[in-house]
Amino acid sequence: MKSNYKFLNIISLAILTFSCKSQQLPLIQNNAKPVRISNEYSFTEGPAADKDGNVYFTDQPNDKIIKWNATDNSFTVFKEPAGRANGLYFDHNGHLLAAADEKNELWRIDRNGNVDTLITTYKGKKLNGPNDIWVDLKGGIYFTDPYYQREYWSRTKADITEKNVYYISPNTKEVSVIATGFVQPNGIIGTADGKTLYIADIGDKKIYSYAIHENGELSDRKLFTNMGSDGMTIDNKGNVYLTGKGVTVFNSEGKLLKNIPINENWTANVTFGGKNQNILFVTAMGSIYTLPMNVHGVRY
């Protein structure tokens, strides 16, 4: 019996050692570096991956939505014109949501490029210009609405003075202000379990976390870190990825894990793509970068 116990202890120790080593895997595969796979655009933004790992992103100054094919690394135009779309996100039905700020609208685009305008005003006032989007587990839509004066607008000031975050209910389609008190809200992302939402206030250089309730309402606002962000994503370990100067990664406790340098003046946005959703896809100025990771993105 003693020899059996000894054998079992050896096996348990081996399993524990393997588990610890697995947990200590670096974020990035094999000391890889970001690779620029294209630099032919004017300003890239809003990457969002479909169920096959293809990534759609915007070239806002050229009014296009581009598709990156995860299988052959090719690029094709998905939609042009594209409402000067900024942030993108896929809903649970495979439709592409777009923050189309040419006319301050939120779009839902089907696979053939047909547009359904979900919202353009709130209580009779024109939205500031929807920017980034996240969809919760029930299909409710959160979007940030900062104000960035565009040269293609005829107006020169906002109808809505507050810079809010809105929520579109999945059942009633009712629109409500879900979070307030921002200088300039921008990036937004939620956790895999649908219980926590992160919102970037790029104007105040802060990230906040919120508890998500069953009805989509938010509470328990907490400062996550003193850093703003343009775009955001999250991985299967709960690490949060922020953009600006490269890509900066924090764990779920707000501890800085790593900065991934990107050789551009500004990194606008980031997501996970590829067949196994383990390719970090980065939009930066007029370029696209990819980076193979040991973690992967979240499928909601």
Protein backbone atom coordinates (compact mmCIF):
# COMPACT_ATOMS: atom_id res chain seq x y z
CA MET A 1 0.00 0.00 0.00
CA LYS A 2 2.81 2.42 0.85
CA SER A 3 4.33 1.99 -2.60
CA ASN A 4 0.95 2.78 -4.17
CA TYR A 5 0.65 5.95 -2.11
CA LYS A 6 4.17 6.93 -3.16
CA PHE A 7 3.28 6.34 -6.81
CA LEU A 8 0.11 8.39 -6.49
CA ASN A 9 2.03 11.22 -4.84
CA ILE A 10 4.54 11.24 -7.72
CA ILE A 11 1.71 11.37 -10.27
CA SER A 12 -0.04 14.19 -8.36
CA LEU A 13 3.19 16.18 -8.19
CA ALA A 14 3.75 15.72 -11.94
CA ILE A 15 0.21 16.91 -12.72
CA LEU A 16 0.63 19.93 -10.42
CA THR A 17 3.99 20.78 -12.00
CA PHE A 18 2.54 20.51 -15.52
CA SER A 19 -0.44 22.66 -14.49
CA CYS A 20 1.80 25.35 -13.03
CA LYS A 21 3.99 25.40 -16.14
CA SER A 22 0.88 25.69 -18.34
CA GLN A 23 -0.36 28.63 -16.32
CA GLN A 24 3.02 30.32 -16.70
CA LEU A 25 3.05 30.21 -20.48
CA PRO A 26 3.91 33.65 -21.86
CA LEU A 27 1.13 35.57 -23.57
CA ILE A 28 2.95 35.60 -26.90
CA GLN A 29 4.01 32.50 -28.83
CA ASN A 30 7.72 31.70 -29.13
CA ASN A 31 8.93 35.27 -28.56
CA ALA A 32 7.11 36.34 -31.72
CA LYS A 33 6.96 40.01 -32.73
CA PRO A 34 4.08 41.93 -34.33
CA VAL A 35 4.21 41.62 -38.11
CA ARG A 36 2.83 44.34 -40.37
CA ILE A 37 0.74 42.56 -42.99
CA SER A 38 -0.54 45.69 -44.73
CA ASN A 39 0.11 49.44 -44.74
CA GLU A 40 -2.09 50.57 -47.63
CA TYR A 41 -4.83 52.32 -45.66
CA SER A 42 -5.34 55.85 -44.31
CA PHE A 43 -6.52 55.14 -40.74
CA THR A 44 -7.58 51.67 -39.60
CA GLU A 45 -10.08 51.10 -36.80
CA GLY A 46 -12.77 48.89 -35.29
CA PRO A 47 -11.58 45.28 -35.87
CA ALA A 48 -14.18 42.55 -35.22
CA ALA A 49 -13.87 38.81 -35.88
CA ASP A 50 -16.64 36.61 -37.28
CA LYS A 51 -17.23 32.98 -36.23
CA ASP A 52 -14.64 31.74 -38.76
CA GLY A 53 -11.94 34.07 -37.46
CA ASN A 54 -12.04 36.48 -40.40
CA VAL A 55 -11.58 40.06 -39.21
CA TYR A 56 -13.52 43.06 -40.49
CA PHE A 57 -12.08 46.53 -39.89
CA THR A 58 -12.66 50.08 -41.07
CA ASP A 59 -10.58 52.48 -43.11
CA GLN A 60 -12.55 55.46 -41.92
CA PRO A 61 -11.10 58.30 -44.05
CA ASN A 62 -11.70 56.20 -47.19
CA ASP A 63 -15.19 55.19 -46.01
CA LYS A 64 -14.63 51.43 -46.32
CA ILE A 65 -15.11 48.26 -44.31
CA ILE A 66 -12.38 45.76 -45.19
CA LYS A 67 -12.37 42.00 -44.61
CA TRP A 68 -9.19 40.12 -43.72
CA ASN A 69 -9.47 36.46 -44.69
CA ALA A 70 -7.95 34.31 -41.94
CA THR A 71 -7.31 31.42 -44.32
CA ASP A 72 -5.17 33.07 -46.97
CA ASN A 73 -4.24 36.42 -45.35
CA SER A 74 -5.97 38.36 -48.15
CA PHE A 75 -7.90 41.62 -47.97
CA THR A 76 -11.16 42.46 -49.76
CA VAL A 77 -13.59 45.37 -49.53
CA PHE A 78 -16.76 44.26 -47.73
CA LYS A 79 -18.68 47.55 -47.94
CA GLU A 80 -18.11 50.92 -49.63
CA PRO A 81 -19.35 53.49 -48.79
CA ALA A 82 -19.65 52.47 -45.17
CA GLY A 83 -21.21 55.40 -43.34
CA ARG A 84 -17.75 56.50 -42.14
CA ALA A 85 -17.91 53.51 -39.81
CA ASN A 86 -15.61 53.45 -36.81
CA GLY A 87 -16.09 50.63 -34.29
CA LEU A 88 -17.48 47.25 -35.40
CA TYR A 89 -18.84 44.21 -33.57
CA PHE A 90 -20.68 41.01 -34.55
CA ASP A 91 -24.04 40.19 -32.96
CA HIS A 92 -25.12 36.63 -32.14
CA ASN A 93 -26.82 36.22 -35.51
CA GLY A 94 -23.64 36.95 -37.47
CA HIS A 95 -24.66 40.47 -38.45
CA LEU A 96 -22.02 43.16 -38.35
CA LEU A 97 -22.82 46.13 -36.12
CA ALA A 98 -21.16 49.39 -37.14
CA ALA A 99 -20.78 52.74 -35.40
CA ALA A 100 -21.52 54.75 -38.53
CA ASP A 101 -20.81 58.29 -37.45
CA GLU A 102 -21.26 60.00 -40.82
CA LYS A 103 -24.88 60.53 -39.74
CA ASN A 104 -24.37 59.59 -36.06
CA GLU A 105 -26.01 56.19 -36.50
CA LEU A 106 -25.67 52.62 -35.31
CA TRP A 107 -26.02 50.12 -38.17
CA ARG A 108 -26.71 46.40 -38.43
CA ILE A 109 -25.29 45.00 -41.68
CA ASP A 110 -26.24 41.59 -43.06
CA ARG A 111 -23.90 39.24 -44.94
CA ASN A 112 -24.84 40.87 -48.24
CA GLY A 113 -24.04 44.37 -47.02
CA ASN A 114 -27.65 45.49 -46.54
CA VAL A 115 -28.06 48.05 -43.77
CA ASP A 116 -30.67 48.31 -41.02
CA THR A 117 -30.29 51.57 -39.06
CA LEU A 118 -30.87 50.78 -35.38
CA ILE A 119 -30.61 54.27 -33.92
CA THR A 120 -29.64 57.82 -34.86
CA THR A 121 -31.31 59.94 -32.16
CA TYR A 122 -32.04 59.70 -28.44
CA LYS A 123 -35.16 61.45 -27.16
CA GLY A 124 -35.27 63.53 -30.32
CA LYS A 125 -31.65 64.64 -30.17
CA LYS A 126 -28.96 63.53 -32.60
CA LEU A 127 -26.36 61.20 -31.11
CA ASN A 128 -22.84 62.57 -30.71
CA GLY A 129 -21.32 59.87 -32.93
CA PRO A 130 -21.35 56.20 -31.83
CA ASN A 131 -17.79 54.94 -31.49
CA ASP A 132 -17.34 51.44 -30.04
CA ILE A 133 -19.70 48.51 -29.44
CA TRP A 134 -20.10 45.40 -27.29
CA VAL A 135 -22.94 42.83 -27.34
CA ASP A 136 -23.91 41.02 -24.12
CA LEU A 137 -24.85 37.36 -23.78
CA LYS A 138 -28.55 38.08 -24.38
CA GLY A 139 -27.94 40.18 -27.47
CA GLY A 140 -28.25 43.59 -25.84
CA ILE A 141 -26.02 46.24 -27.41
CA TYR A 142 -23.81 48.65 -25.46
CA PHE A 143 -22.19 51.52 -27.35
CA THR A 144 -20.08 54.54 -26.43
CA ASP A 145 -21.07 57.97 -27.74
CA PRO A 146 -18.26 60.53 -27.42
CA TYR A 147 -18.06 63.63 -29.58
CA TYR A 148 -15.28 63.99 -32.13
CA GLN A 149 -15.86 66.87 -34.52
CA ARG A 150 -15.72 65.51 -38.07
CA GLU A 151 -14.86 67.53 -41.16
CA TYR A 152 -17.74 65.89 -43.02
CA TRP A 153 -20.36 67.17 -40.51
CA SER A 154 -22.30 70.37 -41.06
CA ARG A 155 -22.91 70.78 -37.31
CA THR A 156 -20.22 72.17 -35.02
CA LYS A 157 -21.55 71.22 -31.58
CA ALA A 158 -23.32 68.31 -29.94
CA ASP A 159 -27.08 68.11 -29.42
CA ILE A 160 -26.44 65.98 -26.32
CA THR A 161 -23.92 67.68 -24.07
CA GLU A 162 -23.15 64.58 -21.98
CA LYS A 163 -20.82 61.90 -23.35
CA ASN A 164 -22.79 58.78 -22.46
CA VAL A 165 -22.80 55.03 -22.89
CA TYR A 166 -26.10 53.59 -24.19
CA TYR A 167 -27.81 50.19 -24.10
CA ILE A 168 -30.27 48.74 -26.61
CA SER A 169 -32.41 46.06 -24.97
CA PRO A 170 -32.43 42.72 -26.86
CA ASN A 171 -36.19 42.19 -26.50
CA THR A 172 -37.92 45.56 -26.50
CA LYS A 173 -35.23 47.42 -28.49
CA GLU A 174 -35.65 50.16 -25.90
CA VAL A 175 -32.68 52.54 -25.79
CA SER A 176 -31.43 53.86 -22.45
CA VAL A 177 -28.48 55.78 -21.06
CA ILE A 178 -26.67 53.06 -19.13
CA ALA A 179 -23.55 54.88 -17.86
CA THR A 180 -22.62 58.54 -17.41
CA GLY A 181 -19.87 60.72 -15.97
CA PHE A 182 -17.26 60.50 -18.72
CA VAL A 183 -15.06 63.07 -20.37
CA GLN A 184 -14.82 61.07 -23.62
CA PRO A 185 -15.92 57.40 -23.47
CA ASN A 186 -14.40 55.22 -26.16
CA GLY A 187 -13.35 51.55 -25.97
CA ILE A 188 -15.74 48.99 -24.44
CA ILE A 189 -15.56 45.23 -23.79
CA GLY A 190 -17.24 42.67 -21.53
CA THR A 191 -16.08 39.45 -19.89
CA ALA A 192 -16.89 35.95 -21.17
CA ASP A 193 -19.38 35.29 -18.36
CA GLY A 194 -21.23 38.53 -19.15
CA LYS A 195 -20.87 39.79 -15.58
CA THR A 196 -18.34 42.61 -15.98
CA LEU A 197 -18.12 45.49 -18.45
CA TYR A 198 -15.02 47.62 -19.01
CA ILE A 199 -15.39 51.15 -20.39
CA ALA A 200 -12.50 53.40 -21.38
CA ASP A 201 -12.69 57.11 -20.68
CA ILE A 202 -9.91 58.14 -23.03
CA GLY A 203 -10.57 61.81 -22.27
CA ASP A 204 -9.78 61.26 -18.58
CA LYS A 205 -7.14 58.52 -19.02
CA LYS A 206 -9.10 55.96 -17.03
CA ILE A 207 -10.66 52.53 -17.43
CA TYR A 208 -13.70 51.65 -15.30
CA SER A 209 -15.24 48.28 -14.55
CA TYR A 210 -18.96 47.74 -13.92
CA ALA A 211 -21.09 44.88 -12.69
CA ILE A 212 -23.69 43.85 -15.30
CA HIS A 213 -27.18 43.03 -14.06
CA GLU A 214 -29.69 40.61 -15.57
CA ASN A 215 -31.59 43.44 -17.27
CA GLY A 216 -28.42 44.98 -18.72
CA GLU A 217 -28.14 47.75 -16.14
CA LEU A 218 -24.75 48.55 -14.64
CA SER A 219 -23.62 49.18 -11.07
CA ASP A 220 -20.55 49.11 -8.83
CA ARG A 221 -18.39 51.41 -10.96
CA LYS A 222 -14.73 50.92 -10.03
CA LEU A 223 -11.50 52.38 -11.34
CA PHE A 224 -9.71 49.56 -13.14
CA THR A 225 -6.56 51.45 -14.12
CA ASN A 226 -5.32 54.99 -14.70
CA MET A 227 -4.92 54.67 -18.43
CA GLY A 228 -7.20 55.60 -21.28
CA SER A 229 -7.73 53.49 -24.36
CA ASP A 230 -9.02 53.88 -27.89
CA GLY A 231 -10.07 50.27 -28.44
CA MET A 232 -10.21 47.23 -26.14
CA THR A 233 -10.41 43.46 -26.20
CA ILE A 234 -10.21 40.58 -23.73
CA ASP A 235 -8.74 37.07 -23.79
CA ASN A 236 -9.85 33.71 -22.37
CA LYS A 237 -7.82 34.32 -19.20
CA GLY A 238 -9.71 37.54 -18.50
CA ASN A 239 -6.76 39.77 -19.43
CA VAL A 240 -7.77 43.17 -20.81
CA TYR A 241 -5.96 44.68 -23.81
CA LEU A 242 -5.75 48.47 -24.15
CA THR A 243 -4.48 50.56 -27.03
CA GLY A 244 -2.74 53.86 -27.59
CA LYS A 245 1.02 53.50 -27.39
CA GLY A 246 1.27 49.92 -28.57
CA VAL A 247 -0.96 47.35 -26.87
CA THR A 248 -0.92 47.21 -23.06
CA VAL A 249 -2.21 44.13 -21.23
CA PHE A 250 -3.64 44.05 -17.70
CA ASN A 251 -4.94 41.04 -15.81
CA SER A 252 -8.45 41.02 -14.35
CA GLU A 253 -7.15 42.55 -11.11
CA GLY A 254 -5.77 45.57 -12.93
CA LYS A 255 -2.13 44.45 -12.70
CA LEU A 256 0.07 45.44 -15.64
CA LEU A 257 1.30 42.32 -17.43
CA LYS A 258 2.94 43.55 -20.61
CA ASN A 259 3.25 46.27 -23.21
CA ILE A 260 3.46 45.07 -26.80
CA PRO A 261 5.26 47.73 -28.86
CA ILE A 262 3.80 48.58 -32.26
CA ASN A 263 5.99 50.58 -34.62
CA GLU A 264 3.44 53.32 -35.25
CA ASN A 265 2.59 56.65 -33.64
CA TRP A 266 -0.81 55.37 -32.50
CA THR A 267 -2.47 52.02 -31.99
CA ALA A 268 -6.20 52.47 -32.44
CA ASN A 269 -7.78 49.10 -31.78
CA VAL A 270 -7.27 45.39 -31.25
CA THR A 271 -9.11 42.06 -31.37
CA PHE A 272 -8.46 38.32 -31.64
CA GLY A 273 -8.91 36.61 -35.00
CA GLY A 274 -7.74 33.60 -36.96
CA LYS A 275 -9.20 30.10 -37.22
CA ASN A 276 -8.27 29.34 -33.60
CA GLN A 277 -8.88 32.91 -32.47
CA ASN A 278 -5.31 33.13 -31.22
CA ILE A 279 -4.02 35.84 -33.58
CA LEU A 280 -3.88 39.30 -32.05
CA PHE A 281 -5.07 41.62 -34.83
CA VAL A 282 -4.00 45.23 -34.40
CA THR A 283 -5.11 48.35 -36.28
CA ALA A 284 -2.52 51.12 -36.10
CA MET A 285 -2.57 54.28 -38.21
CA GLY A 286 -2.70 53.08 -41.85
CA SER A 287 -1.44 49.60 -41.03
CA ILE A 288 -2.51 46.16 -39.87
CA TYR A 289 -0.36 43.99 -37.57
CA THR A 290 -0.79 40.39 -36.44
CA LEU A 291 0.80 38.51 -33.56
CA PRO A 292 0.40 34.80 -32.64
CA MET A 293 -0.61 34.33 -29.01
CA ASN A 294 -0.77 31.51 -26.42
CA VAL A 295 -4.14 32.88 -25.28
CA HIS A 296 -7.21 33.31 -27.44
CA GLY A 297 -10.19 35.58 -27.75
CA VAL A 298 -13.61 35.10 -26.21
CA ARG A 299 -16.63 33.70 -28.05
CA TYR A 300 -19.86 34.95 -26.47
